[in-house]
Amino acid sequence: MDAKDYPRFNVEVRGLVTQRSYSGEFQVRPWLTKRLDLARDRLRREYLGGYAIEKADEQAAGLANALSQINIRVTESPQWWRDLDGGLDCADDNLVLEVYRKCMEAEAAAVQAERDRANGAVKAVDPVTRESAAK
């Protein structure tokens, strides 16, 4: 998939802490290659700092996972998101979680679309399926 075809989504959120309104469009990688998934995990571990990963509390581990997913997937974002250093300088957990949720929804939709496309291609070349579909 070409980067120009990556999915886009809009975010409209009012921060629970700052009470600031955030609105803008994001473009994201719909899935990760093995190289990008390793880079995502490296980011996750980096975000946990000097702590042993197994000793990180549940909230820190979840936040590090969400931020690493976001920051490896987002290819275009509003200026305010870049000003927040990809969410690292954001006080509003609900904003980070909304961007994360939409990134994961984009992945699920893209994977489902690929499965549907592949299943359609199999049905088109499978004579048994093609015959039963014609009936």
C-alpha atoms as a PDB file:
ATOM      1  CA  MET A   1       0.000   0.000   0.000  1.00  0.00           C
ATOM      2  CA  ASP A   2       1.372   3.396  -0.986  1.00  0.00           C
ATOM      3  CA  ALA A   3       1.643   6.015   1.750  1.00  0.00           C
ATOM      4  CA  LYS A   4      -0.787   8.223  -0.184  1.00  0.00           C
ATOM      5  CA  ASP A   5      -3.401   5.474   0.300  1.00  0.00           C
ATOM      6  CA  TYR A   6      -2.949   5.163   4.059  1.00  0.00           C
ATOM      7  CA  PRO A   7      -6.188   5.625   5.996  1.00  0.00           C
ATOM      8  CA  ARG A   8      -7.112   8.962   7.515  1.00  0.00           C
ATOM      9  CA  PHE A   9      -9.247   9.776  10.528  1.00  0.00           C
ATOM     10  CA  ASN A  10     -10.386  12.861  12.384  1.00  0.00           C
ATOM     11  CA  VAL A  11     -10.124  13.496  16.091  1.00  0.00           C
ATOM     12  CA  GLU A  12     -12.462  15.819  18.001  1.00  0.00           C
ATOM     13  CA  VAL A  13     -11.654  15.713  21.711  1.00  0.00           C
ATOM     14  CA  ARG A  14     -11.875  18.042  24.684  1.00  0.00           C
ATOM     15  CA  GLY A  15      -9.041  17.335  27.109  1.00  0.00           C
ATOM     16  CA  LEU A  16     -10.224  16.216  30.535  1.00  0.00           C
ATOM     17  CA  VAL A  17      -7.286  17.884  32.279  1.00  0.00           C
ATOM     18  CA  THR A  18      -6.546  20.953  30.156  1.00  0.00           C
ATOM     19  CA  GLN A  19     -10.114  21.485  28.888  1.00  0.00           C
ATOM     20  CA  ARG A  20      -8.526  22.340  25.539  1.00  0.00           C
ATOM     21  CA  SER A  21     -10.388  21.332  22.365  1.00  0.00           C
ATOM     22  CA  TYR A  22      -8.377  19.268  19.904  1.00  0.00           C
ATOM     23  CA  SER A  23      -9.517  18.787  16.346  1.00  0.00           C
ATOM     24  CA  GLY A  24      -7.631  17.539  13.321  1.00  0.00           C
ATOM     25  CA  GLU A  25      -6.883  14.884  10.766  1.00  0.00           C
ATOM     26  CA  PHE A  26      -4.348  12.082  11.090  1.00  0.00           C
ATOM     27  CA  GLN A  27      -2.983   9.700   8.494  1.00  0.00           C
ATOM     28  CA  VAL A  28      -1.673   6.353   9.712  1.00  0.00           C
ATOM     29  CA  ARG A  29       0.068   3.213   8.544  1.00  0.00           C
ATOM     30  CA  PRO A  30      -2.668   0.579   8.470  1.00  0.00           C
ATOM     31  CA  TRP A  31      -0.344  -2.215   9.549  1.00  0.00           C
ATOM     32  CA  LEU A  32       3.258  -2.670  10.568  1.00  0.00           C
ATOM     33  CA  THR A  33       6.034  -4.579   8.860  1.00  0.00           C
ATOM     34  CA  LYS A  34       8.249  -6.695  11.090  1.00  0.00           C
ATOM     35  CA  ARG A  35      10.900  -3.928  11.000  1.00  0.00           C
ATOM     36  CA  LEU A  36       8.344  -1.324  12.101  1.00  0.00           C
ATOM     37  CA  ASP A  37       6.945  -3.609  14.803  1.00  0.00           C
ATOM     38  CA  LEU A  38      10.458  -4.025  16.215  1.00  0.00           C
ATOM     39  CA  ALA A  39      10.920  -0.241  16.085  1.00  0.00           C
ATOM     40  CA  ARG A  40       7.578   0.139  17.903  1.00  0.00           C
ATOM     41  CA  ASP A  41       8.710  -2.219  20.651  1.00  0.00           C
ATOM     42  CA  ARG A  42      12.028  -0.375  20.945  1.00  0.00           C
ATOM     43  CA  LEU A  43      10.057   2.870  21.430  1.00  0.00           C
ATOM     44  CA  ARG A  44       7.813   1.224  24.041  1.00  0.00           C
ATOM     45  CA  ARG A  45      10.848   0.123  26.043  1.00  0.00           C
ATOM     46  CA  GLU A  46      12.467   3.555  25.644  1.00  0.00           C
ATOM     47  CA  TYR A  47       9.332   5.270  26.959  1.00  0.00           C
ATOM     48  CA  LEU A  48       9.546   3.180  30.113  1.00  0.00           C
ATOM     49  CA  GLY A  49      12.961   4.725  30.758  1.00  0.00           C
ATOM     50  CA  GLY A  50      15.430   3.009  32.996  1.00  0.00           C
ATOM     51  CA  TYR A  51      12.801   0.809  34.609  1.00  0.00           C
ATOM     52  CA  ALA A  52      12.910  -2.892  34.075  1.00  0.00           C
ATOM     53  CA  ILE A  53       9.937  -3.534  31.829  1.00  0.00           C
ATOM     54  CA  GLU A  54       8.490  -6.147  34.156  1.00  0.00           C
ATOM     55  CA  LYS A  55       8.601  -3.621  37.022  1.00  0.00           C
ATOM     56  CA  ALA A  56       6.715  -0.869  35.191  1.00  0.00           C
ATOM     57  CA  ASP A  57       3.292  -0.262  36.688  1.00  0.00           C
ATOM     58  CA  GLU A  58       0.235  -1.158  34.634  1.00  0.00           C
ATOM     59  CA  GLN A  59      -0.612   2.448  33.748  1.00  0.00           C
ATOM     60  CA  ALA A  60       2.931   3.234  32.547  1.00  0.00           C
ATOM     61  CA  ALA A  61       3.101   0.004  30.537  1.00  0.00           C
ATOM     62  CA  GLY A  62      -0.248   0.711  28.873  1.00  0.00           C
ATOM     63  CA  LEU A  63       0.666   4.312  28.104  1.00  0.00           C
ATOM     64  CA  ALA A  64       4.054   3.286  26.680  1.00  0.00           C
ATOM     65  CA  ASN A  65       2.331   0.729  24.458  1.00  0.00           C
ATOM     66  CA  ALA A  66      -0.274   3.235  23.213  1.00  0.00           C
ATOM     67  CA  LEU A  67       2.310   5.954  22.527  1.00  0.00           C
ATOM     68  CA  SER A  68       4.636   3.552  20.734  1.00  0.00           C
ATOM     69  CA  GLN A  69       1.788   2.353  18.504  1.00  0.00           C
ATOM     70  CA  ILE A  70       0.751   5.928  17.747  1.00  0.00           C
ATOM     71  CA  ASN A  71       4.240   7.237  17.081  1.00  0.00           C
ATOM     72  CA  ILE A  72       5.213   4.427  14.729  1.00  0.00           C
ATOM     73  CA  ARG A  73       1.886   4.562  12.825  1.00  0.00           C
ATOM     74  CA  VAL A  74       1.138   8.279  12.417  1.00  0.00           C
ATOM     75  CA  THR A  75       2.532   9.633   9.149  1.00  0.00           C
ATOM     76  CA  GLU A  76       0.640  12.957   9.094  1.00  0.00           C
ATOM     77  CA  SER A  77      -0.888  14.865  11.989  1.00  0.00           C
ATOM     78  CA  PRO A  78      -2.118  18.312  12.995  1.00  0.00           C
ATOM     79  CA  GLN A  79       0.450  20.848  14.169  1.00  0.00           C
ATOM     80  CA  TRP A  80      -0.891  20.706  17.735  1.00  0.00           C
ATOM     81  CA  TRP A  81      -0.106  16.946  17.855  1.00  0.00           C
ATOM     82  CA  ARG A  82       3.439  17.600  16.663  1.00  0.00           C
ATOM     83  CA  ASP A  83       3.711  20.372  19.291  1.00  0.00           C
ATOM     84  CA  LEU A  84       2.756  17.751  21.894  1.00  0.00           C
ATOM     85  CA  ASP A  85       5.658  15.601  20.635  1.00  0.00           C
ATOM     86  CA  GLY A  86       3.373  12.827  19.453  1.00  0.00           C
ATOM     87  CA  GLY A  87       1.469  12.793  22.742  1.00  0.00           C
ATOM     88  CA  LEU A  88       4.519  12.624  25.010  1.00  0.00           C
ATOM     89  CA  ASP A  89       3.935  16.181  26.260  1.00  0.00           C
ATOM     90  CA  CYS A  90       0.162  15.769  26.553  1.00  0.00           C
ATOM     91  CA  ALA A  91      -1.572  16.038  29.938  1.00  0.00           C
ATOM     92  CA  ASP A  92      -4.870  14.671  28.559  1.00  0.00           C
ATOM     93  CA  ASP A  93      -4.955  10.874  28.677  1.00  0.00           C
ATOM     94  CA  ASN A  94      -8.306  10.875  26.902  1.00  0.00           C
ATOM     95  CA  LEU A  95      -6.735  12.531  23.848  1.00  0.00           C
ATOM     96  CA  VAL A  96      -3.895  10.001  23.664  1.00  0.00           C
ATOM     97  CA  LEU A  97      -6.349   7.127  24.097  1.00  0.00           C
ATOM     98  CA  GLU A  98      -8.644   8.469  21.363  1.00  0.00           C
ATOM     99  CA  VAL A  99      -5.772   8.735  18.864  1.00  0.00           C
ATOM    100  CA  TYR A 100      -4.635   5.215  19.867  1.00  0.00           C
ATOM    101  CA  ARG A 101      -8.166   3.808  19.485  1.00  0.00           C
ATOM    102  CA  LYS A 102      -8.519   5.319  16.024  1.00  0.00           C
ATOM    103  CA  CYS A 103      -5.110   3.974  14.966  1.00  0.00           C
ATOM    104  CA  MET A 104      -6.146   0.471  16.009  1.00  0.00           C
ATOM    105  CA  GLU A 105      -9.522   0.832  14.260  1.00  0.00           C
ATOM    106  CA  ALA A 106      -7.702   1.832  11.062  1.00  0.00           C
ATOM    107  CA  GLU A 107      -5.555  -1.295  11.339  1.00  0.00           C
ATOM    108  CA  ALA A 108      -8.566  -3.571  11.918  1.00  0.00           C
ATOM    109  CA  ALA A 109     -10.452  -2.068   8.964  1.00  0.00           C
ATOM    110  CA  ALA A 110      -7.435  -2.369   6.639  1.00  0.00           C
ATOM    111  CA  VAL A 111      -6.775  -5.982   7.642  1.00  0.00           C
ATOM    112  CA  GLN A 112     -10.453  -6.861   7.122  1.00  0.00           C
ATOM    113  CA  ALA A 113     -10.443  -5.158   3.702  1.00  0.00           C
ATOM    114  CA  GLU A 114      -7.373  -7.177   2.677  1.00  0.00           C
ATOM    115  CA  ARG A 115      -9.016 -10.416   3.856  1.00  0.00           C
ATOM    116  CA  ASP A 116     -12.183  -9.572   1.944  1.00  0.00           C
ATOM    117  CA  ARG A 117     -10.150  -8.750  -1.162  1.00  0.00           C
ATOM    118  CA  ALA A 118      -8.173 -11.988  -0.875  1.00  0.00           C
ATOM    119  CA  ASN A 119     -11.331 -14.044  -0.299  1.00  0.00           C
ATOM    120  CA  GLY A 120     -12.917 -12.428  -3.350  1.00  0.00           C
ATOM    121  CA  ALA A 121      -9.861 -13.317  -5.439  1.00  0.00           C
ATOM    122  CA  VAL A 122      -9.987 -16.942  -4.243  1.00  0.00           C
ATOM    123  CA  LYS A 123     -13.696 -17.194  -5.061  1.00  0.00           C
ATOM    124  CA  ALA A 124     -13.068 -15.752  -8.527  1.00  0.00           C
ATOM    125  CA  VAL A 125     -10.547 -18.489  -9.405  1.00  0.00           C
ATOM    126  CA  ASP A 126     -12.067 -21.426  -7.513  1.00  0.00           C
ATOM    127  CA  PRO A 127     -14.352 -23.245  -9.987  1.00  0.00           C
ATOM    128  CA  VAL A 128     -16.405 -24.943  -7.238  1.00  0.00           C
ATOM    129  CA  THR A 129     -17.090 -21.651  -5.457  1.00  0.00           C
ATOM    130  CA  ARG A 130     -17.758 -19.893  -8.759  1.00  0.00           C
ATOM    131  CA  GLU A 131     -20.293 -22.573  -9.781  1.00  0.00           C
ATOM    132  CA  SER A 132     -22.149 -22.419  -6.452  1.00  0.00           C
ATOM    133  CA  ALA A 133     -22.198 -18.616  -6.563  1.00  0.00           C
ATOM    134  CA  ALA A 134     -23.730 -18.735 -10.033  1.00  0.00           C
ATOM    135  CA  LYS A 135     -26.671 -20.868  -8.807  1.00  0.00           C
END
